[in-house]
Each structure stands twice: as C-alpha cells, then as structure tokens.
Amino acid sequence: MLYGYDTKLYFFLFYLFHVIYHIILYETNSGKLILDIIFKEIIGEGSLFTGFISALKSFGADILKNQPKNINMIRFDNLIIKIFTITELNIDIVILFDPEPEHYKIVNEILPKIKTIIFEYETLFTEWNGMNLSEFQILAEPILNLIRKSIFAEAIIGAL
C-alpha cells in the first residue's frame, strides 16, 4: 500500500508542476507587475513580460476596428497565456499553463475564484499609490491555497 501512496504523491507533484507555471497580477493600463506567483519559472523578467502583454493588448485594440478588443488568450505550442481583466480595479490576471485539455478546465474554474479573492482585498487596489508592491504579497497565500485545492482535487480524480 505504501507503493500506491508514493505513486499517487508522485503523480500529484508531477501534475502540480505541469499544470500552472505562473499566476501574474498586473496593472492593466501601465503593465506594472503587482504579483508573480511562480510554480515553474518559464519567463524571464516579470515586468518585461507584463509590459509585453499590456502592449499586445493595446496594439490589438488599435488594429481591430469594430471587433471585440479584449485579448484573453495567447497560445504557443507548449504554453497557454490566459488573460482575465478585472476592469473595476484596472487589474489583469494572467495564468501561464500547459495546454492540456484538462488544464483549461482547471484554469477556467480557478479564474473566477481568484477574482473573488482579489475583491476580498479590493482596498489594496483602490487605495494603492502605485509604489509599495509588498502590500500585495498578502494575496499569495489565499491564491496558493485555492490552487492547491483545485489541482489536488483534479490530481486525485486522475489518480483514481
């Protein structure tokens, strides 16, 4: 029985590190990085990445006349970048993840829950002076707990 437990634990850890790579919060208009939760480092400088996403969204809005102007996903061969905008707080949530079909399900389930967590800390965003980013570290723990629960549930289902 210990072998089965070790196998399930290995599967869970393997699954955890191959589902979500980064969860990033940044200020929509400026591209300023607010929080980067790293599960597996696959991007370089976080602020360059958020600037790139912000510029890409702006460029897309400029060239796509009379079309929906919100870029919400970018796909590479082995990476998905999912972008979710919280207009009321001028914040984008970006999740970088592996492009397996079941991973889309996990990401689509956790995005609204991350939004709920962010709104629980709404005053951090509405009263932010644009300077002290360390205040946002308080968001990491509830977001990590959410991810652990979601991925653990999915991993257990997959292991059965």
Protein backbone atom coordinates (compact mmCIF):
# COMPACT_ATOMS: atom_id res chain seq x y z
CA MET A 1 0.00 0.00 0.00
CA LEU A 2 2.90 2.35 0.61
CA TYR A 3 3.85 1.96 -3.04
CA GLY A 4 0.39 3.14 -4.12
CA TYR A 5 0.63 6.14 -1.82
CA ASP A 6 4.07 7.09 -3.14
CA THR A 7 2.82 6.75 -6.71
CA LYS A 8 -0.17 8.99 -6.02
CA LEU A 9 2.06 11.55 -4.29
CA TYR A 10 4.49 11.48 -7.22
CA PHE A 11 1.59 11.88 -9.65
CA PHE A 12 0.26 14.83 -7.65
CA LEU A 13 3.66 16.57 -7.56
CA PHE A 14 4.23 15.88 -11.26
CA TYR A 15 0.75 17.18 -12.03
CA LEU A 16 1.20 20.29 -9.89
CA PHE A 17 4.37 21.38 -11.70
CA HIS A 18 2.99 20.71 -15.17
CA VAL A 19 -0.36 22.47 -14.95
CA ILE A 20 0.26 26.08 -13.97
CA TYR A 21 3.60 27.83 -14.36
CA HIS A 22 2.84 31.40 -13.28
CA ILE A 23 -0.03 33.45 -11.91
CA ILE A 24 0.61 37.13 -12.52
CA LEU A 25 -1.32 40.22 -11.47
CA TYR A 26 -0.50 43.48 -13.17
CA GLU A 27 -1.99 46.93 -13.59
CA THR A 28 -3.89 46.86 -16.88
CA ASN A 29 -3.14 50.37 -18.15
CA SER A 30 0.52 50.61 -17.17
CA GLY A 31 1.61 46.97 -17.38
CA LYS A 32 3.18 47.34 -13.92
CA LEU A 33 3.79 43.96 -12.29
CA ILE A 34 1.96 43.63 -8.98
CA LEU A 35 2.37 39.97 -8.05
CA ASP A 36 4.02 36.96 -9.68
CA ILE A 37 3.38 33.55 -8.15
CA ILE A 38 5.84 31.15 -9.72
CA PHE A 39 5.29 27.40 -9.81
CA LYS A 40 7.82 26.71 -12.55
CA GLU A 41 9.99 29.51 -13.90
CA ILE A 42 9.46 29.77 -17.65
CA ILE A 43 9.63 33.52 -18.22
CA GLY A 44 12.45 35.94 -17.59
CA GLU A 45 11.88 39.36 -16.08
CA GLY A 46 8.25 39.55 -14.93
CA SER A 47 7.90 43.28 -15.55
CA LEU A 48 9.08 42.87 -19.16
CA PHE A 49 6.51 40.12 -19.63
CA THR A 50 3.62 42.20 -18.25
CA GLY A 51 4.72 45.16 -20.37
CA PHE A 52 4.66 42.87 -23.41
CA ILE A 53 1.14 41.60 -22.61
CA SER A 54 -0.10 45.14 -21.93
CA ALA A 55 1.41 46.43 -25.21
CA LEU A 56 -0.02 43.47 -27.13
CA LYS A 57 -3.49 44.16 -25.74
CA SER A 58 -3.17 47.84 -26.62
CA PHE A 59 -1.91 47.06 -30.13
CA GLY A 60 -4.74 44.58 -30.64
CA ALA A 61 -7.30 47.17 -29.60
CA ASP A 62 -5.82 49.68 -32.07
CA ILE A 63 -5.76 47.40 -35.10
CA LEU A 64 -9.04 45.54 -34.60
CA LYS A 65 -11.61 48.16 -35.52
CA ASN A 66 -15.26 47.21 -34.94
CA GLN A 67 -14.22 43.92 -33.30
CA PRO A 68 -14.08 42.75 -29.70
CA LYS A 69 -10.93 44.34 -28.37
CA ASN A 70 -10.00 42.12 -25.47
CA ILE A 71 -7.22 39.60 -25.99
CA ASN A 72 -7.96 36.86 -23.49
CA MET A 73 -5.65 34.05 -24.61
CA ILE A 74 -2.36 33.57 -26.41
CA ARG A 75 -1.32 30.09 -27.46
CA PHE A 76 2.17 28.82 -28.18
CA ASP A 77 2.95 25.19 -28.98
CA ASN A 78 3.56 24.22 -25.37
CA LEU A 79 2.17 27.18 -23.43
CA ILE A 80 -1.12 28.97 -22.96
CA ILE A 81 -1.29 32.53 -21.63
CA LYS A 82 -4.79 33.20 -20.29
CA ILE A 83 -5.63 36.84 -19.56
CA PHE A 84 -8.58 37.85 -17.42
CA THR A 85 -9.30 41.56 -16.91
CA ILE A 86 -10.92 43.00 -13.81
CA THR A 87 -11.97 46.33 -15.27
CA GLU A 88 -13.28 47.74 -11.98
CA LEU A 89 -9.82 47.52 -10.40
CA ASN A 90 -7.66 48.09 -13.52
CA ILE A 91 -6.05 44.68 -12.95
CA ASP A 92 -5.26 41.78 -15.27
CA ILE A 93 -4.83 38.24 -14.03
CA VAL A 94 -2.51 36.24 -16.27
CA ILE A 95 -2.11 32.49 -15.92
CA LEU A 96 0.57 30.65 -17.86
CA PHE A 97 -0.17 26.95 -18.12
CA ASP A 98 0.39 23.75 -20.03
CA PRO A 99 -2.01 23.34 -23.00
CA GLU A 100 -3.57 20.02 -21.99
CA PRO A 101 -7.39 19.94 -22.27
CA GLU A 102 -7.92 19.17 -18.56
CA HIS A 103 -5.71 22.14 -17.64
CA TYR A 104 -8.09 24.52 -19.41
CA LYS A 105 -10.80 23.20 -17.12
CA ILE A 106 -8.73 23.87 -14.00
CA VAL A 107 -7.78 27.38 -15.13
CA ASN A 108 -11.36 28.26 -16.09
CA GLU A 109 -12.55 27.05 -12.69
CA ILE A 110 -9.98 28.98 -10.67
CA LEU A 111 -10.08 32.31 -12.52
CA PRO A 112 -13.43 33.45 -11.06
CA LYS A 113 -12.27 32.27 -7.64
CA ILE A 114 -9.07 34.32 -7.94
CA LYS A 115 -11.24 37.29 -8.90
CA THR A 116 -13.29 36.72 -5.73
CA ILE A 117 -10.10 36.67 -3.64
CA ILE A 118 -8.93 39.89 -5.25
CA PHE A 119 -12.24 41.59 -4.47
CA GLU A 120 -11.88 40.49 -0.84
CA TYR A 121 -8.75 42.67 -0.83
CA GLU A 122 -10.24 45.41 -3.02
CA THR A 123 -8.96 48.25 -0.86
CA LEU A 124 -5.37 47.18 -1.63
CA PHE A 125 -6.06 48.15 -5.23
CA THR A 126 -8.34 51.14 -4.74
CA GLU A 127 -6.04 52.78 -2.17
CA TRP A 128 -2.75 51.81 -3.82
CA ASN A 129 -0.43 54.73 -4.52
CA GLY A 130 1.44 52.82 -7.24
CA MET A 131 4.58 52.45 -5.14
CA ASN A 132 4.62 49.77 -2.42
CA LEU A 133 4.18 46.40 -4.11
CA SER A 134 4.98 44.37 -0.99
CA GLU A 135 1.43 45.03 0.26
CA PHE A 136 0.15 42.67 -2.44
CA GLN A 137 2.09 39.68 -1.08
CA ILE A 138 -0.87 39.09 1.23
CA LEU A 139 -2.76 37.78 -1.83
CA ALA A 140 -0.27 34.98 -2.46
CA GLU A 141 -1.38 32.70 0.37
CA PRO A 142 -5.13 32.59 -0.42
CA ILE A 143 -4.39 32.18 -4.13
CA LEU A 144 -1.91 29.37 -3.42
CA ASN A 145 -4.43 27.64 -1.16
CA LEU A 146 -7.01 27.84 -3.93
CA ILE A 147 -4.55 26.38 -6.45
CA ARG A 148 -3.54 23.56 -4.11
CA LYS A 149 -7.17 22.59 -3.52
CA SER A 150 -8.11 22.75 -7.20
CA ILE A 151 -5.09 20.87 -8.51
CA PHE A 152 -5.15 18.36 -5.66
CA ALA A 153 -8.81 17.56 -6.39
CA GLU A 154 -8.04 17.15 -10.11
CA ALA A 155 -4.96 15.04 -9.38
CA ILE A 156 -6.88 12.74 -7.04
CA ILE A 157 -9.57 12.26 -9.68
CA GLY A 158 -6.86 11.50 -12.25
CA ALA A 159 -5.12 9.05 -9.91
CA LEU A 160 -8.27 7.02 -9.26
